[in-house]
Amino acid sequence: MRFEGRELKSYAEPVSANDLVEREVYFTVQFADQKLLIPMIEPIVFVGKNLGEGDTDVLYFQNFESHATGVRYASATNESMTDFQVRGPDEIKHFFTYDHALDELMKCSLRRRGR
């Protein structure tokens, strides 16, 4: 099996707030250590913008597990509200499409090899 080769950029390419698509899965990529060798990845679903009364430029995300089981923002209970995250457009610099999350993991792999 061979995976296509690609040139990796030296910078991250997170998704832009303007490019988010409702019900699409995105991936948060963060690192547990200062050397960026231990990645933490979480699938997350974009559920909409400005869903709360008086919201302006507020983005709503839901953890993938609860979304997959059918929990929706409009019918969420107080208990299931913990499945949701509210972010501003400047707070999603670690949210990626699948391919760009993969790029971050490949760069991590190269760091781990000492390149």
Protein backbone atom coordinates (compact mmCIF):
# COMPACT_ATOMS: atom_id res chain seq x y z
CA MET A 1 0.00 0.00 0.00
CA ARG A 2 1.34 3.45 -0.85
CA PHE A 3 0.06 6.81 0.30
CA GLU A 4 0.39 9.76 -2.05
CA GLY A 5 3.38 12.00 -1.40
CA ARG A 6 2.79 15.63 -0.61
CA GLU A 7 4.70 18.74 0.28
CA LEU A 8 3.93 19.78 3.85
CA LYS A 9 3.70 23.47 4.65
CA SER A 10 5.63 24.79 7.63
CA TYR A 11 2.47 26.39 9.01
CA ALA A 12 -0.92 25.04 10.02
CA GLU A 13 -3.98 25.54 7.81
CA PRO A 14 -7.01 25.53 10.12
CA VAL A 15 -10.49 25.86 8.72
CA SER A 16 -11.81 29.41 8.40
CA ALA A 17 -15.06 30.34 10.13
CA ASN A 18 -16.40 31.37 6.71
CA ASP A 19 -15.71 27.90 5.27
CA LEU A 20 -17.50 25.89 7.97
CA VAL A 21 -20.36 23.73 6.72
CA GLU A 22 -23.17 22.66 9.05
CA ARG A 23 -23.19 18.95 9.97
CA GLU A 24 -19.65 18.48 8.61
CA VAL A 25 -17.07 16.74 10.78
CA TYR A 26 -13.88 18.64 11.58
CA PHE A 27 -10.93 17.61 13.72
CA THR A 28 -9.32 19.49 16.56
CA VAL A 29 -5.57 18.91 16.69
CA GLN A 30 -3.75 19.98 19.82
CA PHE A 31 -0.58 18.79 21.49
CA ALA A 32 -0.08 17.57 25.04
CA ASP A 33 3.56 18.65 25.15
CA GLN A 34 5.73 21.68 24.34
CA LYS A 35 7.74 19.81 21.67
CA LEU A 36 4.54 19.01 19.71
CA LEU A 37 5.21 15.27 19.79
CA ILE A 38 2.04 14.01 21.50
CA PRO A 39 -1.04 14.86 19.41
CA MET A 40 -4.57 14.93 20.77
CA ILE A 41 -7.22 14.63 18.07
CA GLU A 42 -10.97 14.95 18.48
CA PRO A 43 -13.69 14.74 15.82
CA ILE A 44 -16.19 17.55 16.19
CA VAL A 45 -19.31 18.53 14.24
CA PHE A 46 -20.15 22.10 13.27
CA VAL A 47 -23.81 22.57 14.19
CA GLY A 48 -24.35 26.20 13.29
CA LYS A 49 -23.73 29.86 13.87
CA ASN A 50 -25.53 32.25 16.24
CA LEU A 51 -27.89 29.64 17.67
CA GLY A 52 -28.44 31.50 20.93
CA GLU A 53 -30.53 34.61 21.41
CA GLY A 54 -28.43 37.73 20.85
CA ASP A 55 -25.46 35.81 19.40
CA THR A 56 -23.12 37.60 17.01
CA ASP A 57 -20.31 35.65 15.32
CA VAL A 58 -20.74 32.67 17.67
CA LEU A 59 -19.90 29.20 16.32
CA TYR A 60 -21.43 26.05 17.80
CA PHE A 61 -19.73 22.65 17.73
CA GLN A 62 -20.77 19.29 19.12
CA ASN A 63 -18.68 16.29 20.04
CA PHE A 64 -18.97 13.59 17.42
CA GLU A 65 -20.14 10.85 19.78
CA SER A 66 -23.28 12.65 20.93
CA HIS A 67 -24.06 13.88 17.40
CA ALA A 68 -23.79 10.31 16.09
CA THR A 69 -26.30 9.12 18.72
CA GLY A 70 -28.85 11.70 17.57
CA VAL A 71 -28.49 14.47 20.15
CA ARG A 72 -29.24 17.84 18.53
CA TYR A 73 -28.79 21.37 19.85
CA ALA A 74 -32.47 22.25 19.51
CA SER A 75 -33.52 19.30 21.67
CA ALA A 76 -30.52 19.15 24.03
CA THR A 77 -31.17 18.86 27.74
CA ASN A 78 -29.16 20.63 30.44
CA GLU A 79 -27.21 17.39 30.87
CA SER A 80 -26.35 17.06 27.17
CA MET A 81 -25.32 20.72 26.80
CA THR A 82 -21.84 19.63 27.90
CA ASP A 83 -21.58 17.95 24.47
CA PHE A 84 -21.43 21.39 22.84
CA GLN A 85 -18.70 24.00 22.51
CA VAL A 86 -19.23 27.66 21.75
CA ARG A 87 -16.37 29.45 20.01
CA GLY A 88 -15.62 32.77 18.39
CA PRO A 89 -14.11 32.90 14.90
CA ASP A 90 -10.66 33.57 16.39
CA GLU A 91 -10.87 30.54 18.70
CA ILE A 92 -10.80 27.79 16.07
CA LYS A 93 -7.14 27.90 15.06
CA HIS A 94 -6.83 24.21 16.02
CA PHE A 95 -9.90 23.06 14.00
CA PHE A 96 -9.06 21.36 10.71
CA THR A 97 -10.60 19.55 7.78
CA TYR A 98 -9.56 15.91 7.60
CA ASP A 99 -6.73 16.46 5.10
CA HIS A 100 -5.26 19.41 6.97
CA ALA A 101 -5.46 17.50 10.26
CA LEU A 102 -3.59 14.69 8.52
CA ASP A 103 -0.93 17.19 7.46
CA GLU A 104 -0.46 18.17 11.12
CA LEU A 105 -0.09 14.51 12.09
CA MET A 106 2.45 13.90 9.34
CA LYS A 107 4.48 16.91 10.55
CA CYS A 108 4.28 15.44 14.05
CA SER A 109 5.53 12.12 12.71
CA LEU A 110 8.54 13.86 11.15
CA ARG A 111 9.27 15.67 14.43
CA ARG A 112 9.09 12.35 16.28
CA ARG A 113 11.63 10.89 13.85
CA GLY A 114 13.90 13.83 14.58
CA ARG A 115 13.81 15.43 11.14
